[in-house]
Amino acid sequence: MSAKLPLSLVVITRDAAADIADCVASASFAADVLVVDSGSRDDTVELARRSGARVIEREWTGFGPQKQFATTEAANDWVLCIDADERVSPELAASIAALFAAGSPRACAYAIARRNRFLGCWLAHGEGYPDWTIRLFDRRRAHWSDDVVHERVIANGPVKRLAGDLMHASAESLDAYIAKQNRYTSLQAAALHANGSKAGAMHLALSPLARFVRFYVLKLGFLDGAAGFAHISIGAFASFLKYAKLRALDAEARSR
C-alpha cells in the first residue's frame, strides 16, 4: 500500500523494544505515527523513532488516561490505537484502506476482531477470538474511558465492524502472563473499592464459574484444546482474584 491514509497510528509503550518496529511496520499505511512512552529502560524510544514515529515521553497515568492523551496528541482526527504487541493483518489493512478510498468513513468508530496467541497457539474461540474491540475511531466523536485498566473506547454515534484481524502476537511467558493478570486484578479491585463496591460470597463463587461456562462451553473454547482450556481457566481465576482482593481491601478498611 503506497498511498498514506489520513489517520494516525497511536501506540503507548514501556519496554517494548522487541515489538515496536514490527507493530509500526504492520500499519505502514498511516500518515502519522505517534508513540507515547512511559519510561522505557530498553531501546523502545530509539527503535520507534528509527521506524518513523514521533515519540512523546510521559509519566504513566493508567491505560485509559494514557491512551486518551496519545489520542489528543495525534496529528489526525482519525486514529488507530493498537498495542505494541499487536499487528494489523493484511486483510485488516485492506479494510481500512477501503474505508478511506470511499471518502470519509461514515461511522464514528469501528470494532476489530482481535485474535490472541496463547501458549504458542492462535486461539479461534472462547475469549481468544473474536475479541471485538473498538480501535479505529474519529476522536471528535469518540474517546477512551478513564479506567486505569480494561479501558474502552466510548463512541458517540454508530459503531461498525471491520473485516480482518488484529493479531495479538504476544510472546510473553506463562509466568509473565499470570503476573500481568495479578497486576490487573489488583488495579480492578482498587477501582471497585474506590467506587464503594462490595464483594460477597456469591461473587467469589459464581463470577469465575459464569465466565468459564460462557467462554469454554457457550463460545466453544474447548475447541482450542489445551491452550484454550488454560487461557479460560486463568481468566476464570482472575475473576475470583478480583473479588477476593476487593474483599481484602474492604476488610482492611474496616480494621482501621
C-alpha atoms as a PDB file:
ATOM      1  CA  MET A   1       0.000   0.000   0.000  1.00  0.00           C
ATOM      2  CA  SER A   2       1.870   3.080  -1.254  1.00  0.00           C
ATOM      3  CA  ALA A   3      -0.559   5.925  -0.511  1.00  0.00           C
ATOM      4  CA  LYS A   4      -0.695   7.063   3.084  1.00  0.00           C
ATOM      5  CA  LEU A   5      -4.112   7.278   4.702  1.00  0.00           C
ATOM      6  CA  PRO A   6      -5.220  10.388   6.647  1.00  0.00           C
ATOM      7  CA  LEU A   7      -5.123   8.696  10.017  1.00  0.00           C
ATOM      8  CA  SER A   8      -2.722   8.423  12.928  1.00  0.00           C
ATOM      9  CA  LEU A   9      -1.350   5.210  14.362  1.00  0.00           C
ATOM     10  CA  VAL A  10      -1.187   5.629  18.143  1.00  0.00           C
ATOM     11  CA  VAL A  11       0.767   3.283  20.436  1.00  0.00           C
ATOM     12  CA  ILE A  12       1.546   3.560  24.139  1.00  0.00           C
ATOM     13  CA  THR A  13       4.689   1.754  25.227  1.00  0.00           C
ATOM     14  CA  ARG A  14       7.002   0.731  28.002  1.00  0.00           C
ATOM     15  CA  ASP A  15       9.911  -1.632  27.422  1.00  0.00           C
ATOM     16  CA  ALA A  16       8.539  -2.704  24.043  1.00  0.00           C
ATOM     17  CA  ALA A  17      11.816  -2.856  22.093  1.00  0.00           C
ATOM     18  CA  ALA A  18      11.109  -6.395  20.918  1.00  0.00           C
ATOM     19  CA  ASP A  19       7.769  -5.391  19.363  1.00  0.00           C
ATOM     20  CA  ILE A  20       7.581  -1.742  18.365  1.00  0.00           C
ATOM     21  CA  ALA A  21       9.257  -1.922  14.944  1.00  0.00           C
ATOM     22  CA  ASP A  22       7.020  -4.762  13.706  1.00  0.00           C
ATOM     23  CA  CYS A  23       3.982  -3.043  15.194  1.00  0.00           C
ATOM     24  CA  VAL A  24       4.639   0.188  13.269  1.00  0.00           C
ATOM     25  CA  ALA A  25       5.536  -1.687  10.086  1.00  0.00           C
ATOM     26  CA  SER A  26       2.198  -3.525  10.124  1.00  0.00           C
ATOM     27  CA  ALA A  27       0.399  -0.174   9.827  1.00  0.00           C
ATOM     28  CA  SER A  28       2.684   1.445   7.282  1.00  0.00           C
ATOM     29  CA  PHE A  29      -0.383   2.975   5.617  1.00  0.00           C
ATOM     30  CA  ALA A  30      -0.768   5.548   8.425  1.00  0.00           C
ATOM     31  CA  ALA A  31       0.274   9.086   7.534  1.00  0.00           C
ATOM     32  CA  ASP A  32       1.228   9.799  11.140  1.00  0.00           C
ATOM     33  CA  VAL A  33       2.706   7.514  13.806  1.00  0.00           C
ATOM     34  CA  LEU A  34       2.773   8.568  17.442  1.00  0.00           C
ATOM     35  CA  VAL A  35       4.338   6.594  20.283  1.00  0.00           C
ATOM     36  CA  VAL A  36       3.783   7.735  23.872  1.00  0.00           C
ATOM     37  CA  ASP A  37       6.365   6.075  26.080  1.00  0.00           C
ATOM     38  CA  SER A  38       6.248   5.855  29.862  1.00  0.00           C
ATOM     39  CA  GLY A  39       9.826   5.363  30.959  1.00  0.00           C
ATOM     40  CA  SER A  40      11.175   2.510  28.881  1.00  0.00           C
ATOM     41  CA  ARG A  41      14.521   1.184  30.092  1.00  0.00           C
ATOM     42  CA  ASP A  42      15.306  -0.568  26.824  1.00  0.00           C
ATOM     43  CA  ASP A  43      15.635   0.735  23.241  1.00  0.00           C
ATOM     44  CA  THR A  44      11.910   1.304  22.643  1.00  0.00           C
ATOM     45  CA  VAL A  45      12.202   5.061  22.078  1.00  0.00           C
ATOM     46  CA  GLU A  46      15.165   4.800  19.715  1.00  0.00           C
ATOM     47  CA  LEU A  47      13.599   1.975  17.707  1.00  0.00           C
ATOM     48  CA  ALA A  48      10.272   3.808  17.489  1.00  0.00           C
ATOM     49  CA  ARG A  49      11.968   6.905  16.100  1.00  0.00           C
ATOM     50  CA  ARG A  50      14.004   4.773  13.709  1.00  0.00           C
ATOM     51  CA  SER A  51      10.700   3.307  12.486  1.00  0.00           C
ATOM     52  CA  GLY A  52       9.417   6.784  11.641  1.00  0.00           C
ATOM     53  CA  ALA A  53       7.347   7.516  14.746  1.00  0.00           C
ATOM     54  CA  ARG A  54       7.103  10.712  16.705  1.00  0.00           C
ATOM     55  CA  VAL A  55       7.763   9.954  20.359  1.00  0.00           C
ATOM     56  CA  ILE A  56       6.420  11.717  23.421  1.00  0.00           C
ATOM     57  CA  GLU A  57       7.781  10.627  26.784  1.00  0.00           C
ATOM     58  CA  ARG A  58       5.193  10.911  29.547  1.00  0.00           C
ATOM     59  CA  GLU A  59       4.810   9.550  33.051  1.00  0.00           C
ATOM     60  CA  TRP A  60       2.373   6.629  33.360  1.00  0.00           C
ATOM     61  CA  THR A  61      -1.183   7.677  34.284  1.00  0.00           C
ATOM     62  CA  GLY A  62      -3.121   4.440  33.709  1.00  0.00           C
ATOM     63  CA  PHE A  63      -4.213   2.758  30.473  1.00  0.00           C
ATOM     64  CA  GLY A  64      -7.286   4.872  29.752  1.00  0.00           C
ATOM     65  CA  PRO A  65      -5.779   8.290  30.547  1.00  0.00           C
ATOM     66  CA  GLN A  66      -2.523   7.441  28.765  1.00  0.00           C
ATOM     67  CA  LYS A  67      -4.304   6.347  25.592  1.00  0.00           C
ATOM     68  CA  GLN A  68      -6.574   9.382  25.652  1.00  0.00           C
ATOM     69  CA  PHE A  69      -3.559  11.685  25.970  1.00  0.00           C
ATOM     70  CA  ALA A  70      -1.947   9.962  22.999  1.00  0.00           C
ATOM     71  CA  THR A  71      -5.170  10.310  21.016  1.00  0.00           C
ATOM     72  CA  THR A  72      -5.327  14.065  21.643  1.00  0.00           C
ATOM     73  CA  GLU A  73      -1.692  14.456  20.538  1.00  0.00           C
ATOM     74  CA  ALA A  74      -2.206  12.662  17.223  1.00  0.00           C
ATOM     75  CA  ALA A  75      -1.880  14.687  14.032  1.00  0.00           C
ATOM     76  CA  ASN A  76      -5.158  13.406  12.544  1.00  0.00           C
ATOM     77  CA  ASP A  77      -8.717  13.160  13.825  1.00  0.00           C
ATOM     78  CA  TRP A  78      -8.972   9.536  12.714  1.00  0.00           C
ATOM     79  CA  VAL A  79      -6.813   7.362  14.954  1.00  0.00           C
ATOM     80  CA  LEU A  80      -5.926   3.683  15.005  1.00  0.00           C
ATOM     81  CA  CYS A  81      -4.912   2.708  18.537  1.00  0.00           C
ATOM     82  CA  ILE A  82      -3.063  -0.579  18.938  1.00  0.00           C
ATOM     83  CA  ASP A  83      -0.665  -2.084  21.464  1.00  0.00           C
ATOM     84  CA  ALA A  84       2.993  -2.714  20.745  1.00  0.00           C
ATOM     85  CA  ASP A  85       2.487  -6.487  20.660  1.00  0.00           C
ATOM     86  CA  GLU A  86      -0.369  -6.243  18.162  1.00  0.00           C
ATOM     87  CA  ARG A  87      -0.125  -6.370  14.373  1.00  0.00           C
ATOM     88  CA  VAL A  88      -2.503  -5.193  11.652  1.00  0.00           C
ATOM     89  CA  SER A  89      -3.183  -8.147   9.362  1.00  0.00           C
ATOM     90  CA  PRO A  90      -3.104  -7.591   5.574  1.00  0.00           C
ATOM     91  CA  GLU A  91      -6.874  -8.197   5.450  1.00  0.00           C
ATOM     92  CA  LEU A  92      -7.492  -5.554   8.112  1.00  0.00           C
ATOM     93  CA  ALA A  93      -5.181  -3.109   6.337  1.00  0.00           C
ATOM     94  CA  ALA A  94      -7.199  -3.615   3.144  1.00  0.00           C
ATOM     95  CA  SER A  95     -10.463  -2.998   5.008  1.00  0.00           C
ATOM     96  CA  ILE A  96      -9.152   0.253   6.472  1.00  0.00           C
ATOM     97  CA  ALA A  97      -7.876   1.394   3.086  1.00  0.00           C
ATOM     98  CA  ALA A  98     -11.282   0.676   1.539  1.00  0.00           C
ATOM     99  CA  LEU A  99     -12.971   2.886   4.146  1.00  0.00           C
ATOM    100  CA  PHE A 100     -10.916   5.910   3.175  1.00  0.00           C
ATOM    101  CA  ALA A 101     -10.982   5.157  -0.539  1.00  0.00           C
ATOM    102  CA  ALA A 102     -14.724   5.695  -0.418  1.00  0.00           C
ATOM    103  CA  GLY A 103     -14.297   9.079   1.276  1.00  0.00           C
ATOM    104  CA  SER A 104     -14.541   9.896   4.942  1.00  0.00           C
ATOM    105  CA  PRO A 105     -15.716   6.844   6.955  1.00  0.00           C
ATOM    106  CA  ARG A 106     -19.416   7.063   7.820  1.00  0.00           C
ATOM    107  CA  ALA A 107     -19.398   5.501  11.290  1.00  0.00           C
ATOM    108  CA  CYS A 108     -17.716   7.304  14.162  1.00  0.00           C
ATOM    109  CA  ALA A 109     -15.883   4.163  15.269  1.00  0.00           C
ATOM    110  CA  TYR A 110     -15.012   0.679  14.056  1.00  0.00           C
ATOM    111  CA  ALA A 111     -14.650  -2.531  16.029  1.00  0.00           C
ATOM    112  CA  ILE A 112     -11.966  -5.012  15.063  1.00  0.00           C
ATOM    113  CA  ALA A 113     -11.730  -8.734  15.795  1.00  0.00           C
ATOM    114  CA  ARG A 114      -8.597  -9.314  17.836  1.00  0.00           C
ATOM    115  CA  ARG A 115      -7.012 -12.779  17.582  1.00  0.00           C
ATOM    116  CA  ASN A 116      -4.960 -13.805  20.606  1.00  0.00           C
ATOM    117  CA  ARG A 117      -1.930 -16.062  20.645  1.00  0.00           C
ATOM    118  CA  PHE A 118      -1.527 -18.111  23.822  1.00  0.00           C
ATOM    119  CA  LEU A 119       0.959 -20.878  24.626  1.00  0.00           C
ATOM    120  CA  GLY A 120       2.145 -20.718  21.031  1.00  0.00           C
ATOM    121  CA  CYS A 121      -1.340 -21.210  19.548  1.00  0.00           C
ATOM    122  CA  TRP A 122      -3.622 -18.779  17.730  1.00  0.00           C
ATOM    123  CA  LEU A 123      -6.919 -19.112  19.577  1.00  0.00           C
ATOM    124  CA  ALA A 124     -10.037 -19.322  17.414  1.00  0.00           C
ATOM    125  CA  HIS A 125     -12.808 -19.499  20.032  1.00  0.00           C
ATOM    126  CA  GLY A 126     -13.718 -18.562  23.613  1.00  0.00           C
ATOM    127  CA  GLU A 127     -12.223 -15.339  24.943  1.00  0.00           C
ATOM    128  CA  GLY A 128      -9.411 -15.565  22.414  1.00  0.00           C
ATOM    129  CA  TYR A 129     -11.417 -14.902  19.233  1.00  0.00           C
ATOM    130  CA  PRO A 130     -13.205 -12.930  18.017  1.00  0.00           C
ATOM    131  CA  ASP A 131     -12.300 -10.455  20.758  1.00  0.00           C
ATOM    132  CA  TRP A 132     -14.180  -7.478  19.278  1.00  0.00           C
ATOM    133  CA  THR A 133     -12.690  -4.161  20.345  1.00  0.00           C
ATOM    134  CA  ILE A 134     -13.002  -0.579  19.064  1.00  0.00           C
ATOM    135  CA  ARG A 135      -9.605   0.589  17.856  1.00  0.00           C
ATOM    136  CA  LEU A 136     -10.287   2.834  14.847  1.00  0.00           C
ATOM    137  CA  PHE A 137     -12.307   5.955  15.545  1.00  0.00           C
ATOM    138  CA  ASP A 138     -12.869   9.654  14.943  1.00  0.00           C
ATOM    139  CA  ARG A 139     -11.585  11.374  18.080  1.00  0.00           C
ATOM    140  CA  ARG A 140     -14.126  14.154  17.610  1.00  0.00           C
ATOM    141  CA  ARG A 141     -16.909  11.619  18.234  1.00  0.00           C
ATOM    142  CA  ALA A 142     -15.251   9.005  20.442  1.00  0.00           C
ATOM    143  CA  HIS A 143     -12.763   8.846  23.279  1.00  0.00           C
ATOM    144  CA  TRP A 144     -11.049   6.478  25.682  1.00  0.00           C
ATOM    145  CA  SER A 145     -12.596   5.868  29.090  1.00  0.00           C
ATOM    146  CA  ASP A 146     -10.590   6.970  32.120  1.00  0.00           C
ATOM    147  CA  ASP A 147     -10.303   3.418  33.504  1.00  0.00           C
ATOM    148  CA  VAL A 148      -6.795   2.651  34.717  1.00  0.00           C
ATOM    149  CA  VAL A 149      -7.177  -0.915  33.438  1.00  0.00           C
ATOM    150  CA  HIS A 150      -9.542  -2.618  30.963  1.00  0.00           C
ATOM    151  CA  GLU A 151     -10.094   0.730  29.302  1.00  0.00           C
ATOM    152  CA  ARG A 152     -12.522   1.018  26.398  1.00  0.00           C
ATOM    153  CA  VAL A 153     -13.479   3.436  23.650  1.00  0.00           C
ATOM    154  CA  ILE A 154     -16.741   5.301  24.228  1.00  0.00           C
ATOM    155  CA  ALA A 155     -18.366   6.227  20.914  1.00  0.00           C
ATOM    156  CA  ASN A 156     -20.946   8.972  20.498  1.00  0.00           C
ATOM    157  CA  GLY A 157     -22.559   7.516  17.405  1.00  0.00           C
ATOM    158  CA  PRO A 158     -22.739   4.389  15.238  1.00  0.00           C
ATOM    159  CA  VAL A 159     -20.096   1.671  15.528  1.00  0.00           C
ATOM    160  CA  LYS A 160     -19.466  -0.766  12.682  1.00  0.00           C
ATOM    161  CA  ARG A 161     -17.243  -3.816  12.316  1.00  0.00           C
ATOM    162  CA  LEU A 162     -14.277  -4.220  10.003  1.00  0.00           C
ATOM    163  CA  ALA A 163     -13.164  -7.354   8.188  1.00  0.00           C
ATOM    164  CA  GLY A 164      -9.687  -8.643   9.020  1.00  0.00           C
ATOM    165  CA  ASP A 165      -7.981  -9.412  12.308  1.00  0.00           C
ATOM    166  CA  LEU A 166      -5.802  -7.510  14.716  1.00  0.00           C
ATOM    167  CA  MET A 167      -3.187 -10.083  15.668  1.00  0.00           C
ATOM    168  CA  HIS A 168      -2.236 -10.012  19.341  1.00  0.00           C
ATOM    169  CA  ALA A 169       1.162 -11.601  18.865  1.00  0.00           C
ATOM    170  CA  SER A 170       2.194 -11.685  22.500  1.00  0.00           C
ATOM    171  CA  ALA A 171       5.315 -13.760  23.077  1.00  0.00           C
ATOM    172  CA  GLU A 172       5.293 -13.352  26.854  1.00  0.00           C
ATOM    173  CA  SER A 173       5.925 -16.387  29.008  1.00  0.00           C
ATOM    174  CA  LEU A 174       3.202 -18.032  31.053  1.00  0.00           C
ATOM    175  CA  ASP A 175       4.830 -16.596  34.193  1.00  0.00           C
ATOM    176  CA  ALA A 176       4.665 -13.089  32.712  1.00  0.00           C
ATOM    177  CA  TYR A 177       1.053 -13.576  31.624  1.00  0.00           C
ATOM    178  CA  ILE A 178      -0.019 -14.692  35.094  1.00  0.00           C
ATOM    179  CA  ALA A 179       1.927 -11.835  36.691  1.00  0.00           C
ATOM    180  CA  LYS A 180       0.087  -9.404  34.394  1.00  0.00           C
ATOM    181  CA  GLN A 181      -3.269 -10.857  35.419  1.00  0.00           C
ATOM    182  CA  ASN A 182      -2.245 -10.418  39.052  1.00  0.00           C
ATOM    183  CA  ARG A 183      -1.440  -6.737  38.441  1.00  0.00           C
ATOM    184  CA  TYR A 184      -4.652  -6.165  36.502  1.00  0.00           C
ATOM    185  CA  THR A 185      -6.871  -7.745  39.161  1.00  0.00           C
ATOM    186  CA  SER A 186      -5.232  -5.570  41.817  1.00  0.00           C
ATOM    187  CA  LEU A 187      -5.998  -2.463  39.767  1.00  0.00           C
ATOM    188  CA  GLN A 188      -9.575  -3.624  39.149  1.00  0.00           C
ATOM    189  CA  ALA A 189     -10.162  -4.341  42.829  1.00  0.00           C
ATOM    190  CA  ALA A 190      -8.769  -0.952  43.819  1.00  0.00           C
ATOM    191  CA  ALA A 191     -11.050   0.809  41.325  1.00  0.00           C
ATOM    192  CA  LEU A 192     -14.115  -1.099  42.560  1.00  0.00           C
ATOM    193  CA  HIS A 193     -13.205  -0.366  46.169  1.00  0.00           C
ATOM    194  CA  ALA A 194     -12.828   3.338  45.416  1.00  0.00           C
ATOM    195  CA  ASN A 195     -16.348   3.304  43.943  1.00  0.00           C
ATOM    196  CA  GLY A 196     -17.772   1.699  47.065  1.00  0.00           C
ATOM    197  CA  SER A 197     -18.411  -1.720  45.518  1.00  0.00           C
ATOM    198  CA  LYS A 198     -18.599  -4.816  47.713  1.00  0.00           C
ATOM    199  CA  ALA A 199     -17.910  -8.483  47.004  1.00  0.00           C
ATOM    200  CA  GLY A 200     -19.956 -11.231  48.618  1.00  0.00           C
ATOM    201  CA  ALA A 201     -19.527 -14.986  48.635  1.00  0.00           C
ATOM    202  CA  MET A 202     -21.729 -15.237  45.555  1.00  0.00           C
ATOM    203  CA  HIS A 203     -19.316 -13.040  43.600  1.00  0.00           C
ATOM    204  CA  LEU A 204     -16.422 -15.280  44.584  1.00  0.00           C
ATOM    205  CA  ALA A 205     -18.264 -18.460  43.636  1.00  0.00           C
ATOM    206  CA  LEU A 206     -20.377 -17.525  40.641  1.00  0.00           C
ATOM    207  CA  SER A 207     -18.278 -14.975  38.744  1.00  0.00           C
ATOM    208  CA  PRO A 208     -15.474 -17.391  37.792  1.00  0.00           C
ATOM    209  CA  LEU A 209     -17.952 -20.183  37.100  1.00  0.00           C
ATOM    210  CA  ALA A 210     -20.071 -17.988  34.835  1.00  0.00           C
ATOM    211  CA  ARG A 211     -17.004 -16.803  32.956  1.00  0.00           C
ATOM    212  CA  PHE A 212     -15.762 -20.345  32.420  1.00  0.00           C
ATOM    213  CA  VAL A 213     -19.139 -21.633  31.200  1.00  0.00           C
ATOM    214  CA  ARG A 214     -19.636 -18.663  28.902  1.00  0.00           C
ATOM    215  CA  PHE A 215     -16.304 -18.870  27.142  1.00  0.00           C
ATOM    216  CA  TYR A 216     -15.367 -22.549  27.396  1.00  0.00           C
ATOM    217  CA  VAL A 217     -18.798 -24.021  26.665  1.00  0.00           C
ATOM    218  CA  LEU A 218     -21.074 -21.460  25.017  1.00  0.00           C
ATOM    219  CA  LYS A 219     -18.332 -19.801  22.952  1.00  0.00           C
ATOM    220  CA  LEU A 220     -16.681 -23.132  22.131  1.00  0.00           C
ATOM    221  CA  GLY A 221     -13.368 -22.514  23.874  1.00  0.00           C
ATOM    222  CA  PHE A 222     -12.965 -26.265  24.237  1.00  0.00           C
ATOM    223  CA  LEU A 223     -12.228 -26.436  20.508  1.00  0.00           C
ATOM    224  CA  ASP A 224      -8.900 -24.684  21.154  1.00  0.00           C
ATOM    225  CA  GLY A 225      -7.595 -27.697  23.048  1.00  0.00           C
ATOM    226  CA  ALA A 226      -5.208 -27.407  25.978  1.00  0.00           C
ATOM    227  CA  ALA A 227      -4.274 -23.808  25.159  1.00  0.00           C
ATOM    228  CA  GLY A 228      -7.939 -22.783  25.173  1.00  0.00           C
ATOM    229  CA  PHE A 229      -8.582 -24.583  28.457  1.00  0.00           C
ATOM    230  CA  ALA A 230      -5.586 -22.915  30.114  1.00  0.00           C
ATOM    231  CA  HIS A 231      -6.495 -19.464  28.757  1.00  0.00           C
ATOM    232  CA  ILE A 232     -10.071 -19.598  30.009  1.00  0.00           C
ATOM    233  CA  SER A 233      -9.119 -21.214  33.333  1.00  0.00           C
ATOM    234  CA  ILE A 234      -6.702 -18.366  34.069  1.00  0.00           C
ATOM    235  CA  GLY A 235      -9.391 -15.874  33.087  1.00  0.00           C
ATOM    236  CA  ALA A 236     -11.892 -17.506  35.444  1.00  0.00           C
ATOM    237  CA  PHE A 237      -9.354 -17.458  38.271  1.00  0.00           C
ATOM    238  CA  ALA A 238      -8.715 -13.782  37.544  1.00  0.00           C
ATOM    239  CA  SER A 239     -12.432 -13.132  38.132  1.00  0.00           C
ATOM    240  CA  PHE A 240     -12.098 -14.857  41.501  1.00  0.00           C
ATOM    241  CA  LEU A 241      -8.945 -12.881  42.368  1.00  0.00           C
ATOM    242  CA  LYS A 242     -10.593  -9.560  41.549  1.00  0.00           C
ATOM    243  CA  TYR A 243     -13.389 -10.108  44.044  1.00  0.00           C
ATOM    244  CA  ALA A 244     -11.143 -11.755  46.646  1.00  0.00           C
ATOM    245  CA  LYS A 245      -8.855  -8.708  46.534  1.00  0.00           C
ATOM    246  CA  LEU A 246     -11.883  -6.425  46.788  1.00  0.00           C
ATOM    247  CA  ARG A 247     -12.980  -8.246  49.951  1.00  0.00           C
ATOM    248  CA  ALA A 248      -9.457  -7.928  51.332  1.00  0.00           C
ATOM    249  CA  LEU A 249      -9.452  -4.173  50.712  1.00  0.00           C
ATOM    250  CA  ASP A 250     -12.830  -3.849  52.388  1.00  0.00           C
ATOM    251  CA  ALA A 251     -11.658  -5.833  55.414  1.00  0.00           C
ATOM    252  CA  GLU A 252      -8.519  -3.725  55.647  1.00  0.00           C
ATOM    253  CA  ALA A 253     -10.572  -0.514  55.538  1.00  0.00           C
ATOM    254  CA  ARG A 254     -12.888  -1.735  58.305  1.00  0.00           C
ATOM    255  CA  SER A 255      -9.989  -2.649  60.560  1.00  0.00           C
ATOM    256  CA  ARG A 256      -8.549   0.842  60.552  1.00  0.00           C
END
